[in-house]
Structures are given as C-alpha cells and as structure tokens.
Amino acid sequence: MKKKIAISLAAAALACAAADEKKSITGTITDSMCGADHTAMKVKPDEKCIKECLKMGFKYALWDGRTVWALSDQKTPAKFAAKKVTVTGTVDETKQTIQVDSMVAAK
C-alpha cells in the first residue's frame, strides 16, 4: 500500500513539473479579446486596438502564432503593444499562462 502511494505521489509530482516549465516564447503582444486578429474591432493600427480592448477590461497577452498566452505581468507589455517580444517565465501549457520573469524586444 505504501509503495502504491509513493508511486502515485511521484507520478503527480512529475505531472506538475511537466505542466509548469520555464521557457522562452517569442510572439507578438496582443490582448486577450482579439488575440491574433484585430479586424473584428475595426480599429487600426493594432496597437490602438489593443489599448481600446484594455480599456474594456481585457488583458495583455502573447500570440505566438498558435496560442494566445495569458501574461502575469500587465505593466511591461504596455511598451510592446503590437510588437514582437521574447517572454521568459514559467509556462503552464494546460492553462495557457506564463508567469513572466522577463520580456524583451525580439531580435
């Protein structure tokens, strides 16, 4: 019985470790409403659309070409709206979130 519990706990720990992994992801700063496509808002340029969406209560996000990632840091992205960045932090693939450690302009 103790062996089964120990194996179950080890498996759970591995699953948690796999879910939360430090990574760098490059993409474009966007907002949680529009994501990859700002055409529905009919506000140009994209940077202005992002700012309008934030006024409505949406959050900064990162679009990497496949996924819209929720970002824990909501201050740093302001200077990168609609620009390409590299975000480094703890990534939770299941929840599609990044606990941001750093954000820099992509090269």
Protein backbone atom coordinates (compact mmCIF):
# COMPACT_ATOMS: atom_id res chain seq x y z
CA MET A 1 0.00 0.00 0.00
CA LYS A 2 2.77 2.45 0.95
CA LYS A 3 4.58 1.62 -2.29
CA LYS A 4 1.45 2.43 -4.35
CA ILE A 5 1.04 5.75 -2.57
CA ALA A 6 4.70 6.62 -3.12
CA ILE A 7 4.42 5.80 -6.82
CA SER A 8 1.24 7.87 -7.12
CA LEU A 9 2.87 10.85 -5.39
CA ALA A 10 5.94 10.60 -7.63
CA ALA A 11 3.75 10.49 -10.75
CA ALA A 12 1.78 13.51 -9.54
CA ALA A 13 5.00 15.44 -8.88
CA LEU A 14 6.26 14.64 -12.37
CA ALA A 15 2.99 15.77 -13.91
CA CYS A 16 3.15 19.07 -12.04
CA ALA A 17 6.75 19.60 -13.07
CA ALA A 18 5.87 18.97 -16.71
CA ALA A 19 2.91 21.37 -16.55
CA ASP A 20 4.95 24.25 -15.15
CA GLU A 21 8.20 24.64 -17.04
CA LYS A 22 10.50 27.63 -17.50
CA LYS A 23 10.67 28.59 -21.17
CA SER A 24 11.17 31.46 -23.57
CA ILE A 25 8.39 32.11 -26.08
CA THR A 26 8.61 34.62 -28.91
CA GLY A 27 5.47 36.25 -30.23
CA THR A 28 3.50 39.48 -30.55
CA ILE A 29 1.96 41.38 -27.66
CA THR A 30 -1.79 41.48 -28.17
CA ASP A 31 -4.87 41.46 -25.95
CA SER A 32 -6.99 38.64 -24.55
CA MET A 33 -10.04 39.55 -26.63
CA CYS A 34 -8.62 39.93 -30.14
CA GLY A 35 -5.71 37.53 -29.84
CA ALA A 36 -4.25 37.03 -33.33
CA ASP A 37 -6.81 39.01 -35.30
CA HIS A 38 -7.78 42.62 -34.64
CA THR A 39 -10.09 43.01 -37.68
CA ALA A 40 -13.34 42.48 -35.73
CA MET A 41 -12.78 45.65 -33.72
CA LYS A 42 -12.24 47.73 -36.88
CA VAL A 43 -9.70 49.86 -35.01
CA LYS A 44 -6.36 50.49 -36.70
CA PRO A 45 -3.47 50.20 -36.11
CA ASP A 46 -3.28 47.04 -33.96
CA GLU A 47 -1.55 48.96 -31.16
CA LYS A 48 -4.58 51.27 -30.86
CA CYS A 49 -6.95 48.28 -30.93
CA ILE A 50 -5.04 46.65 -28.06
CA LYS A 51 -5.32 49.84 -26.00
CA GLU A 52 -9.07 50.03 -26.69
CA CYS A 53 -9.53 46.40 -25.62
CA LEU A 54 -7.64 47.09 -22.39
CA LYS A 55 -9.99 49.99 -21.65
CA MET A 56 -12.86 47.46 -21.88
CA GLY A 57 -11.22 45.27 -19.23
CA PHE A 58 -9.32 42.76 -21.35
CA LYS A 59 -5.68 41.92 -20.56
CA TYR A 60 -2.36 41.94 -22.39
CA ALA A 61 -1.49 38.58 -23.91
CA LEU A 62 1.14 37.00 -26.14
CA TRP A 63 0.30 35.50 -29.55
CA ASP A 64 3.00 33.03 -30.67
CA GLY A 65 1.37 32.02 -33.95
CA ARG A 66 -0.57 29.13 -32.39
CA THR A 67 -1.60 30.08 -28.87
CA VAL A 68 -2.75 33.21 -27.05
CA TRP A 69 -0.87 33.14 -23.74
CA ALA A 70 -2.20 34.95 -20.67
CA LEU A 71 0.58 37.00 -19.04
CA SER A 72 1.05 37.57 -15.32
CA ASP A 73 2.85 40.88 -15.96
CA GLN A 74 0.39 43.52 -17.14
CA LYS A 75 2.75 46.53 -16.91
CA THR A 76 5.74 45.65 -19.09
CA PRO A 77 3.67 44.73 -22.20
CA ALA A 78 2.37 48.32 -22.44
CA LYS A 79 5.55 49.48 -24.15
CA PHE A 80 5.47 46.47 -26.52
CA ALA A 81 1.83 46.57 -27.72
CA ALA A 82 1.62 45.01 -31.21
CA LYS A 83 5.38 44.40 -31.21
CA LYS A 84 7.37 41.16 -31.29
CA VAL A 85 8.91 40.13 -27.95
CA THR A 86 10.51 37.20 -26.22
CA VAL A 87 8.90 36.34 -22.89
CA THR A 88 10.73 34.13 -20.42
CA GLY A 89 8.98 32.58 -17.47
CA THR A 90 7.11 29.63 -16.04
CA VAL A 91 4.79 28.26 -18.69
CA ASP A 92 1.65 26.29 -17.90
CA GLU A 93 0.67 24.64 -21.19
CA THR A 94 -2.64 23.39 -19.78
CA LYS A 95 -3.85 26.80 -18.64
CA GLN A 96 -2.03 28.67 -21.43
CA THR A 97 -0.42 31.05 -18.96
CA ILE A 98 3.06 32.48 -18.48
CA GLN A 99 4.31 33.64 -15.09
CA VAL A 100 6.59 36.30 -16.58
CA ASP A 101 10.20 36.61 -15.40
CA SER A 102 11.36 38.86 -18.26
CA MET A 103 10.18 40.40 -21.51
CA VAL A 104 12.47 41.88 -24.17
CA ALA A 105 12.09 43.04 -27.75
CA ALA A 106 12.65 40.10 -30.08
CA LYS A 107 15.66 40.21 -32.35
